Amino acid sequence: MIVTPGFKGYRDTGGRAMKIVIFGTGRFYQDKRHKISSDYEIIAFLDNNSALQGQSIDGALVFAPDK
């Protein structure tokens, strides 16, 4: 899923935030993370940088994309 500026998002029928996985934790994410609506809950990141894998960013673990 690509979240674009202005996208309102949606909640499931139980009123819970949609769980999402984000690819990349670099500059683009750092610059845009404040635009992610509270309608979404980031549950994990995927990143090619092996130094970040296993780390927690904004409360979600970073995994290798091939896992």
N, C-alpha and C. Protein backbone atom coordinates (compact mmCIF):
# COMPACT_ATOMS: atom_id res chain seq x y z
N MET A 1 0.84 -1.17 0.00
CA MET A 1 0.00 0.00 0.00
C MET A 1 0.88 1.23 0.00
N ILE A 2 0.52 2.17 -0.81
CA ILE A 2 1.21 3.45 -0.82
C ILE A 2 0.27 4.48 -0.23
N VAL A 3 0.71 5.15 0.80
CA VAL A 3 -0.11 6.18 1.45
C VAL A 3 0.35 7.52 0.92
N THR A 4 -0.54 8.22 0.28
CA THR A 4 -0.20 9.51 -0.29
C THR A 4 -0.75 10.64 0.57
N PRO A 5 -0.15 11.82 0.49
CA PRO A 5 -0.66 12.95 1.28
C PRO A 5 -2.14 13.18 0.98
N GLY A 6 -2.90 13.39 2.01
CA GLY A 6 -4.32 13.65 1.84
C GLY A 6 -5.18 12.40 1.90
N PHE A 7 -4.56 11.21 1.84
CA PHE A 7 -5.33 9.98 1.92
C PHE A 7 -5.85 9.84 3.34
N LYS A 8 -7.14 9.69 3.49
CA LYS A 8 -7.77 9.67 4.80
C LYS A 8 -7.62 8.33 5.52
N GLY A 9 -7.41 7.27 4.75
CA GLY A 9 -7.31 5.96 5.36
C GLY A 9 -8.67 5.46 5.79
N TYR A 10 -8.68 4.35 6.46
CA TYR A 10 -9.93 3.82 6.97
C TYR A 10 -9.65 2.85 8.09
N ARG A 11 -10.67 2.60 8.86
CA ARG A 11 -10.56 1.64 9.97
C ARG A 11 -11.39 0.41 9.63
N ASP A 12 -11.00 -0.71 10.19
CA ASP A 12 -11.78 -1.91 9.95
C ASP A 12 -13.11 -1.80 10.69
N THR A 13 -13.96 -2.79 10.53
CA THR A 13 -15.30 -2.71 11.09
C THR A 13 -15.31 -2.66 12.61
N GLY A 14 -14.23 -3.04 13.25
CA GLY A 14 -14.15 -3.00 14.70
C GLY A 14 -13.61 -1.67 15.22
N GLY A 15 -13.37 -0.71 14.33
CA GLY A 15 -12.86 0.58 14.74
C GLY A 15 -11.37 0.61 15.02
N ARG A 16 -10.69 -0.48 14.73
CA ARG A 16 -9.24 -0.55 14.98
C ARG A 16 -8.47 0.01 13.79
N ALA A 17 -7.28 0.50 14.07
CA ALA A 17 -6.42 1.03 13.02
C ALA A 17 -5.98 -0.11 12.09
N MET A 18 -5.85 0.22 10.80
CA MET A 18 -5.35 -0.75 9.83
C MET A 18 -3.87 -0.98 10.09
N LYS A 19 -3.47 -2.22 10.15
CA LYS A 19 -2.07 -2.58 10.39
C LYS A 19 -1.33 -2.54 9.05
N ILE A 20 -0.17 -1.87 9.05
CA ILE A 20 0.60 -1.76 7.82
C ILE A 20 2.06 -2.10 8.07
N VAL A 21 2.75 -2.52 7.01
CA VAL A 21 4.18 -2.76 7.00
C VAL A 21 4.77 -1.76 6.01
N ILE A 22 5.84 -1.11 6.39
CA ILE A 22 6.45 -0.09 5.54
C ILE A 22 7.82 -0.56 5.08
N PHE A 23 8.07 -0.39 3.78
CA PHE A 23 9.39 -0.72 3.23
C PHE A 23 10.25 0.53 3.26
N GLY A 24 11.35 0.43 3.97
CA GLY A 24 12.30 1.53 4.03
C GLY A 24 12.13 2.39 5.28
N THR A 25 13.26 2.69 5.90
CA THR A 25 13.25 3.50 7.12
C THR A 25 14.12 4.74 6.96
N GLY A 26 14.52 5.00 5.73
CA GLY A 26 15.46 6.08 5.47
C GLY A 26 14.85 7.47 5.45
N ARG A 27 15.50 8.32 4.70
CA ARG A 27 15.15 9.74 4.68
C ARG A 27 13.70 10.00 4.29
N PHE A 28 13.20 9.29 3.28
CA PHE A 28 11.82 9.52 2.85
C PHE A 28 10.86 9.23 4.00
N TYR A 29 11.03 8.09 4.67
CA TYR A 29 10.16 7.77 5.81
C TYR A 29 10.33 8.82 6.91
N GLN A 30 11.56 9.16 7.23
CA GLN A 30 11.80 10.13 8.31
C GLN A 30 11.14 11.48 8.00
N ASP A 31 11.16 11.88 6.73
CA ASP A 31 10.55 13.15 6.33
C ASP A 31 9.03 13.10 6.30
N LYS A 32 8.46 11.92 6.05
CA LYS A 32 7.01 11.80 5.83
C LYS A 32 6.25 11.13 6.96
N ARG A 33 6.93 10.58 7.94
CA ARG A 33 6.24 9.78 8.96
C ARG A 33 5.16 10.55 9.70
N HIS A 34 5.32 11.84 9.85
CA HIS A 34 4.30 12.65 10.54
C HIS A 34 3.00 12.73 9.76
N LYS A 35 3.04 12.36 8.48
CA LYS A 35 1.83 12.41 7.64
C LYS A 35 1.02 11.12 7.69
N ILE A 36 1.54 10.10 8.36
CA ILE A 36 0.80 8.85 8.46
C ILE A 36 -0.31 9.02 9.48
N SER A 37 -1.51 8.81 9.02
CA SER A 37 -2.70 9.02 9.84
C SER A 37 -2.75 8.04 11.01
N SER A 38 -3.43 8.45 12.06
CA SER A 38 -3.64 7.56 13.20
C SER A 38 -4.58 6.41 12.83
N ASP A 39 -5.11 6.42 11.60
CA ASP A 39 -5.92 5.31 11.11
C ASP A 39 -5.05 4.09 10.81
N TYR A 40 -3.72 4.26 10.87
CA TYR A 40 -2.78 3.19 10.57
C TYR A 40 -1.92 2.88 11.78
N GLU A 41 -1.62 1.61 11.94
CA GLU A 41 -0.68 1.15 12.97
C GLU A 41 0.47 0.46 12.26
N ILE A 42 1.66 1.02 12.37
CA ILE A 42 2.84 0.39 11.76
C ILE A 42 3.23 -0.80 12.62
N ILE A 43 3.17 -1.99 12.04
CA ILE A 43 3.50 -3.18 12.81
C ILE A 43 4.90 -3.70 12.52
N ALA A 44 5.50 -3.26 11.41
CA ALA A 44 6.86 -3.69 11.06
C ALA A 44 7.39 -2.83 9.93
N PHE A 45 8.71 -2.85 9.80
CA PHE A 45 9.40 -2.22 8.68
C PHE A 45 10.19 -3.30 7.97
N LEU A 46 10.38 -3.12 6.68
CA LEU A 46 11.29 -3.94 5.88
C LEU A 46 12.36 -3.00 5.38
N ASP A 47 13.62 -3.40 5.53
CA ASP A 47 14.71 -2.53 5.08
C ASP A 47 15.89 -3.39 4.65
N ASN A 48 16.54 -2.99 3.55
CA ASN A 48 17.71 -3.73 3.05
C ASN A 48 18.95 -3.52 3.90
N ASN A 49 18.97 -2.50 4.73
CA ASN A 49 20.13 -2.18 5.56
C ASN A 49 20.23 -3.18 6.71
N SER A 50 21.19 -4.08 6.62
CA SER A 50 21.32 -5.14 7.64
C SER A 50 21.65 -4.57 9.02
N ALA A 51 22.24 -3.39 9.09
CA ALA A 51 22.54 -2.78 10.39
C ALA A 51 21.27 -2.37 11.13
N LEU A 52 20.18 -2.14 10.41
CA LEU A 52 18.92 -1.74 11.04
C LEU A 52 18.03 -2.94 11.39
N GLN A 53 18.26 -4.05 10.72
CA GLN A 53 17.41 -5.23 10.94
C GLN A 53 17.56 -5.71 12.37
N GLY A 54 16.42 -5.94 13.01
CA GLY A 54 16.40 -6.34 14.42
C GLY A 54 16.23 -5.16 15.36
N GLN A 55 16.41 -3.96 14.84
CA GLN A 55 16.23 -2.74 15.64
C GLN A 55 14.74 -2.37 15.66
N SER A 56 14.39 -1.51 16.59
CA SER A 56 13.03 -1.01 16.68
C SER A 56 13.02 0.47 16.28
N ILE A 57 12.13 0.83 15.38
CA ILE A 57 11.97 2.21 14.95
C ILE A 57 10.51 2.58 15.17
N ASP A 58 10.28 3.63 15.87
CA ASP A 58 8.93 4.09 16.18
C ASP A 58 8.05 2.95 16.73
N GLY A 59 8.68 2.09 17.50
CA GLY A 59 7.96 1.01 18.17
C GLY A 59 7.72 -0.24 17.34
N ALA A 60 8.27 -0.29 16.13
CA ALA A 60 8.08 -1.47 15.27
C ALA A 60 9.44 -2.03 14.87
N LEU A 61 9.54 -3.34 14.82
CA LEU A 61 10.80 -3.99 14.45
C LEU A 61 11.07 -3.88 12.97
N VAL A 62 12.38 -3.86 12.64
CA VAL A 62 12.85 -3.82 11.25
C VAL A 62 13.30 -5.22 10.86
N PHE A 63 12.78 -5.70 9.71
CA PHE A 63 13.10 -7.03 9.21
C PHE A 63 13.75 -6.93 7.83
N ALA A 64 14.47 -7.99 7.45
CA ALA A 64 14.99 -8.08 6.09
C ALA A 64 13.81 -8.33 5.15
N PRO A 65 13.83 -7.76 3.96
CA PRO A 65 12.71 -7.93 3.03
C PRO A 65 12.48 -9.38 2.61
N ASP A 66 13.50 -10.21 2.69
CA ASP A 66 13.36 -11.61 2.25
C ASP A 66 12.85 -12.54 3.33
N LYS A 67 12.53 -12.03 4.50
CA LYS A 67 12.03 -12.88 5.61
C LYS A 67 10.54 -13.02 5.57
